Structure formats: structure tokens, C-alpha cells
Protein backbone atom coordinates (compact mmCIF):
# COMPACT_ATOMS: atom_id res chain seq x y z
CA MET A 1 7.77 151.35 200.19
CA THR A 2 4.13 149.75 201.66
CA PHE A 3 4.36 146.80 203.80
CA CYS A 4 1.58 145.56 201.77
CA CYS A 5 3.68 146.44 198.39
CA ARG A 6 6.25 144.09 200.15
CA LEU A 7 4.44 141.76 200.51
CA MET A 8 2.47 141.08 196.64
CA LEU A 9 6.25 141.06 195.22
CA VAL A 10 7.19 138.08 197.68
CA ALA A 11 4.35 136.33 196.28
CA CYS A 12 5.15 137.35 192.98
CA ALA A 13 8.00 136.34 193.07
CA LEU A 14 7.10 133.13 194.34
CA ALA A 15 3.97 132.14 192.09
CA LEU A 16 6.62 131.32 188.82
CA PRO A 17 5.58 129.61 186.25
CA GLY A 18 5.60 125.58 187.33
CA GLY A 19 5.30 126.76 191.16
CA GLN A 20 9.12 127.28 191.11
CA ALA A 21 11.32 129.53 193.31
CA SER A 22 13.54 131.54 192.01
CA ALA A 23 17.04 130.50 193.19
CA ALA A 24 16.78 127.98 191.30
CA ASP A 25 19.53 127.11 188.42
CA PHE A 26 16.76 125.75 186.32
CA THR A 27 13.04 125.11 186.37
CA ALA A 28 11.72 121.59 186.68
CA ARG A 29 11.10 121.20 183.09
CA GLU A 30 14.43 122.27 181.71
CA VAL A 31 16.29 119.62 183.95
CA THR A 32 13.33 116.89 182.35
CA GLU A 33 14.61 118.47 179.47
CA GLN A 34 18.24 117.97 179.66
CA LEU A 35 17.94 114.47 181.19
CA TYR A 36 14.83 113.03 179.10
CA ARG A 37 17.33 114.19 175.57
CA ALA A 38 20.44 113.00 176.72
CA THR A 39 22.50 109.15 176.46
CA GLY A 40 24.05 109.46 179.18
CA ALA A 41 25.01 111.41 182.41
CA ILE A 42 24.72 115.11 182.25
CA ASP A 43 27.03 117.32 184.63
CA LEU A 44 24.75 119.45 187.15
CA SER A 45 27.48 119.73 189.86
CA GLY A 46 27.34 122.70 192.03
CA ARG A 47 24.32 123.89 190.42
CA ASP A 48 21.08 124.94 192.43
CA LEU A 49 17.74 122.74 192.20
CA GLU A 50 16.22 123.79 195.38
CA GLY A 51 12.57 123.52 195.78
CA LEU A 52 12.63 121.91 192.42
CA ASP A 53 9.57 119.21 191.46
CA LEU A 54 12.21 115.91 189.80
CA SER A 55 10.04 112.90 190.78
CA LEU A 56 9.82 110.01 188.36
CA ILE A 57 13.06 110.75 187.08
CA ASP A 58 15.57 108.17 186.11
CA PHE A 59 18.14 110.78 186.86
CA LYS A 60 21.06 108.55 184.37
CA LYS A 61 23.99 108.08 186.58
CA THR A 62 24.20 112.30 186.41
CA ARG A 63 26.61 114.28 188.18
CA LEU A 64 25.33 116.00 190.81
CA SER A 65 28.16 116.65 193.65
CA ASN A 66 27.88 119.52 195.72
CA ALA A 67 24.50 119.97 194.45
CA ARG A 68 22.00 122.44 196.17
CA MET A 69 18.93 120.00 196.58
CA PHE A 70 16.95 121.44 200.08
CA GLY A 71 13.46 120.54 199.37
CA VAL A 72 13.39 118.88 196.17
CA ASN A 73 10.60 116.60 195.59
CA LEU A 74 12.57 113.01 194.74
CA THR A 75 9.98 110.76 194.71
CA GLY A 76 10.26 107.58 192.80
CA SER A 77 13.03 109.11 190.83
CA ASN A 78 16.04 106.99 190.25
CA LEU A 79 19.30 108.40 191.24
CA ALA A 80 21.39 105.16 190.93
CA GLY A 81 24.95 105.67 191.27
CA ALA A 82 24.64 109.54 190.83
CA ASP A 83 27.42 111.92 192.23
CA LEU A 84 25.71 113.59 195.24
CA ALA A 85 28.71 113.91 196.53
CA GLY A 86 28.71 116.87 198.76
CA SER A 87 25.48 117.68 197.70
CA ASN A 88 22.67 119.11 200.55
CA LEU A 89 19.53 116.59 200.40
CA ASP A 90 18.37 118.80 203.81
CA ARG A 91 14.45 118.35 203.86
CA ALA A 92 14.46 116.57 200.09
CA ASN A 93 11.40 114.29 199.68
CA ILE A 94 12.81 111.19 198.69
CA ILE A 95 9.77 108.32 199.59
CA GLY A 96 10.55 105.41 196.62
CA ALA A 97 13.76 107.06 195.52
CA LYS A 98 16.32 104.88 194.46
CA PHE A 99 20.16 105.76 195.31
CA ASP A 100 21.52 102.30 195.38
CA GLY A 101 25.68 102.75 194.34
CA ALA A 102 25.38 106.28 194.18
CA ASN A 103 28.41 108.16 195.42
CA LEU A 104 26.83 110.01 198.95
CA LYS A 105 30.21 111.09 200.48
CA GLY A 106 30.09 114.25 202.33
CA ALA A 107 26.56 114.46 201.63
CA SER A 108 24.39 116.21 204.55
CA LEU A 109 20.62 114.28 204.64
CA LEU A 110 19.39 116.12 207.20
CA ARG A 111 15.32 115.78 208.04
CA PRO A 112 15.02 114.37 204.41
CA SER A 113 10.79 112.95 203.69
CA THR A 114 10.81 109.17 203.77
CA THR A 115 7.37 108.40 204.90
CA MET A 116 3.81 110.50 204.25
CA GLY A 117 3.25 111.67 207.92
CA ARG A 118 5.03 110.66 211.34
CA ASP A 119 5.76 107.32 211.15
CA PRO A 120 5.97 104.56 208.52
CA GLY A 121 2.69 103.75 206.15
CA ALA A 122 2.10 101.67 203.01
CA GLU A 123 4.85 104.41 201.42
CA THR A 124 8.23 102.65 199.41
CA PRO A 125 11.05 103.80 201.58
CA PRO A 126 14.20 104.87 199.70
CA SER A 127 16.97 102.33 198.96
CA PHE A 128 20.79 102.93 199.42
CA VAL A 129 22.00 99.78 198.70
CA GLY A 130 25.51 99.81 197.82
CA ALA A 131 25.60 103.69 198.61
CA ASP A 132 29.05 105.51 199.82
CA LEU A 133 27.87 107.83 202.89
CA THR A 134 31.45 108.17 203.82
CA GLY A 135 31.33 111.08 206.04
CA ALA A 136 27.70 112.07 205.44
CA LYS A 137 25.56 114.33 207.96
CA VAL A 138 22.54 112.16 208.41
CA PHE A 139 19.30 112.96 210.59
CA GLY A 140 15.58 111.87 210.77
CA GLN A 141 13.42 109.24 209.96
CA PHE A 142 14.74 106.45 207.86
CA SER A 143 13.12 103.53 209.40
CA ARG A 144 12.47 100.81 206.91
CA VAL A 145 15.49 102.26 204.26
CA ASP A 146 17.15 99.57 202.78
CA LEU A 147 21.11 100.26 203.38
CA SER A 148 21.95 96.98 203.21
CA ARG A 149 25.87 96.69 202.18
CA ALA A 150 26.63 100.79 201.85
CA ASN A 151 29.10 102.47 203.34
CA LEU A 152 28.72 104.90 206.16
CA GLU A 153 32.18 105.20 207.67
CA ARG A 154 33.10 108.44 209.66
CA ALA A 155 29.32 109.32 209.23
CA THR A 156 27.40 111.37 212.17
CA LEU A 157 23.68 110.43 212.56
CA ALA A 158 23.71 111.82 216.25
CA PRO A 159 21.49 114.98 216.42
CA PHE A 160 22.19 118.00 214.98
CA GLY A 161 19.95 120.55 217.26
CA LYS A 162 17.24 122.99 216.00
CA THR A 163 16.85 123.66 212.13
CA GLY A 164 14.14 126.31 212.84
CA PHE A 165 11.30 123.82 211.54
CA ILE A 166 8.63 122.22 213.96
CA GLU A 167 10.48 119.56 216.12
CA ASP A 168 8.70 116.21 217.12
CA LEU A 169 12.12 113.95 216.24
CA PHE A 170 15.19 113.84 218.71
CA ARG A 171 16.69 110.98 216.56
CA THR A 172 17.55 109.49 213.89
CA GLU A 173 15.06 106.44 213.62
CA MET A 174 16.32 103.46 211.45
CA GLU A 175 13.64 100.99 212.72
CA GLY A 176 13.14 97.39 211.12
CA ALA A 177 15.97 99.10 208.69
CA GLN A 178 18.07 96.14 206.24
CA LEU A 179 21.46 97.00 207.09
CA ASP A 180 23.03 93.80 206.49
CA GLY A 181 26.48 94.36 205.39
CA ALA A 182 26.58 97.67 206.47
CA ASN A 183 29.77 99.71 207.37
CA PHE A 184 29.36 102.25 210.33
CA ASP A 185 33.20 101.99 210.89
CA GLY A 186 34.26 105.64 213.27
CA SER A 187 30.47 106.40 212.77
CA ASP A 188 28.44 108.54 215.86
CA LEU A 189 25.20 107.16 216.15
CA THR A 190 24.33 108.53 219.62
CA TYR A 191 20.82 108.05 220.15
CA VAL A 192 20.17 105.97 217.13
CA SER A 193 17.19 104.08 217.06
CA PHE A 194 17.76 100.92 215.46
CA ARG A 195 14.82 99.21 216.69
CA TYR A 196 14.11 95.46 215.08
CA ALA A 197 16.48 96.39 212.51
CA SER A 198 18.47 93.85 210.47
CA MET A 199 22.40 93.92 211.51
CA LYS A 200 23.71 90.80 209.99
CA GLY A 201 27.31 91.67 209.62
CA VAL A 202 27.10 95.21 210.33
CA ASN A 203 30.86 96.59 210.85
CA LEU A 204 30.53 99.14 213.46
CA LYS A 205 34.13 99.11 215.09
CA GLY A 206 34.95 102.15 217.13
CA ALA A 207 31.41 103.55 216.69
CA LYS A 208 30.09 105.64 219.02
CA LEU A 209 26.97 104.76 220.00
CA HIS A 210 26.01 105.99 223.27
CA HIS A 211 22.33 105.79 223.77
CA ALA A 212 21.72 103.99 220.50
CA ASP A 213 18.50 101.69 220.88
CA PHE A 214 19.28 98.01 219.33
CA SER A 215 16.56 96.56 220.95
CA LYS A 216 14.67 93.52 219.37
CA ALA A 217 18.05 93.99 216.36
CA ASP A 218 19.42 91.12 214.53
CA LEU A 219 23.46 91.91 214.71
CA THR A 220 23.93 88.37 213.85
CA GLY A 221 27.94 88.56 213.21
CA ALA A 222 28.57 92.30 214.10
CA ASP A 223 31.73 93.75 215.02
CA LEU A 224 31.90 95.68 217.50
CA THR A 225 35.55 96.06 218.36
CA GLY A 226 36.29 99.04 220.41
CA ALA A 227 32.81 100.50 219.71
CA ASP A 228 31.89 102.85 222.71
CA VAL A 229 28.57 101.17 224.35
CA VAL A 230 27.78 103.65 226.91
CA ASP A 231 23.93 104.00 227.82
CA ALA A 232 23.28 101.94 224.39
CA ASP A 233 20.11 99.19 225.03
CA PHE A 234 21.18 95.30 223.71
CA ASP A 235 16.82 94.18 224.64
CA GLY A 236 16.00 91.31 223.51
CA ALA A 237 19.36 91.80 220.46
CA ILE A 238 20.40 88.87 218.64
CA LEU A 239 24.06 88.69 219.49
CA ALA A 240 24.98 85.05 218.25
CA ASP A 241 28.67 85.03 216.81
CA VAL A 242 29.25 88.91 216.87
CA LYS A 243 33.04 90.58 217.54
CA GLY A 244 34.32 92.40 219.73
CA LEU A 245 32.46 92.27 222.58
CA ASP A 246 35.36 92.28 224.86
CA THR A 247 37.04 95.07 223.78
CA MET A 248 33.90 97.76 223.59
CA THR A 249 34.41 100.95 225.89
CA GLY A 250 31.61 101.65 228.64
CA ARG A 251 30.29 97.74 228.29
CA GLU A 252 29.66 98.39 232.13
CA ARG A 253 27.08 100.60 231.38
CA ALA A 254 25.06 99.19 228.45
CA ARG A 255 21.60 98.57 229.66
CA ASN A 256 20.97 94.81 228.66
CA LEU A 257 23.82 93.40 228.02
CA THR A 258 25.19 90.13 229.58
CA LYS A 259 27.72 91.22 231.29
């Protein structure tokens, strides 16, 4: 078979009705119809939904544990209370999506699209209020995202290295994010930028904060007991009523922290 013929076959395989990739177990229309007819949660656990356009959909607490959702478009969709444990949401478009109260234990959210461009604009950020991201892998642009009361215990937000795409973001950004009451107990937050974030009452016990940037963040009432703050920057951070300052590891190497 000639090279040109092979290219034509690839093009035909990608040009399926609705523009969906052939790898997915369903088309976007089939998923939408299932959800429309359902009176309660449906089970899509372990299904391959890669690349589907599932924007502006109410998932009705659908079970999506271990689902492959790489590159799926979830813009404006409601996944509140959904079971997404172990799911792969890498490169998904989650602008304006709601994951409030969702189960995202062990899920992967590497470089999802949360903005229309490189930096946040007028678009609505996704929401993860009270979501469970225990042990999740999270990396990318999460500035202005609402993670209030979310559980990110033992989660990893540190850089994961090259992903095969053009790289212009070397760390997770949570600048201006709402993180009040969030739990980062034992999490790896290396290089994460929390500039101007609201982090009142946040739990950072035992967290790895190497090179993390807390400039101008509000850490009122936060718990930093046993946190590793080597090269972390606290320039202008509000540290009123913070617990565990004397127990932090590497405090002498932290920047802009009153000794």
C-alpha cells in the first residue's frame, strides 16, 4: 500500500459522523441520549469516551469510574456528585464544568483546558467544591478555580515532565484560586503557584512545598504542621493564626518568611 493510500485511510477513519474518533465506545449522541432518557445515574464505568464532545450535559451523578476521557469536551457540563474515581481526564476541556462533590479519587487531570488561552480570561472556571481528589494527579492551569473544602490528600500537583505536546507551563498554577478549607495533607505541591489564592483554614500538614509560591496568598488559620517548605516563597502572604510554623521542615531555607 502506498504512503498516500495510508494517509487516505487515516483521514477516513477520523472523519466519522459527528467528528468522533473511532476509538470511543460510544458516539457523543449515544451518550447524550442515554443521559436524556435516564431518570437516575447510568453506569459508564471503564468506558472509552476519548475525544467526545459532551459539553453542556447534565451527567446526573453518572458512574464514570476508570473511564478513559482523554481530550473529552466537558465545557459547561454538570458532573456534580459523579463517580470519576480513577478516570483519565488528561487534556479534557473543563471550562465552566461543575465537579462539586464528585468522587475523583486517583483520577488523572494532567493539563486539562480551563481557559480559552494560556492565561485566565472572562471564561467561567471549573468548580470542584467539596470534591474528593484523594491521591489524584493534577497538573496545569487551575487559576481562579474553586476547590473550597476539596480533599486533595496525598495528591500530586508537581510537574510530571513532558507529555508530547508543546510545553509552556512548567508548574501547576492556582493563582487567585478559592482553596478555603481544602485538604492537602501529605500532598506533593512542588513548584505550585498559589499567588493571591484564598487558603483560609487549608490543611497543609506534611505537604511537600518545595519552590511553592504563596506570594500574597491568604493563609489565615492554615495548618502547616510538618510541611517541607524548602525554597517556598511567602512574600506578602497573610499568616495570621497559622498552626505549625515551628514544626516546618526546611524553614531556614524558605523565602520571605519571618524567622
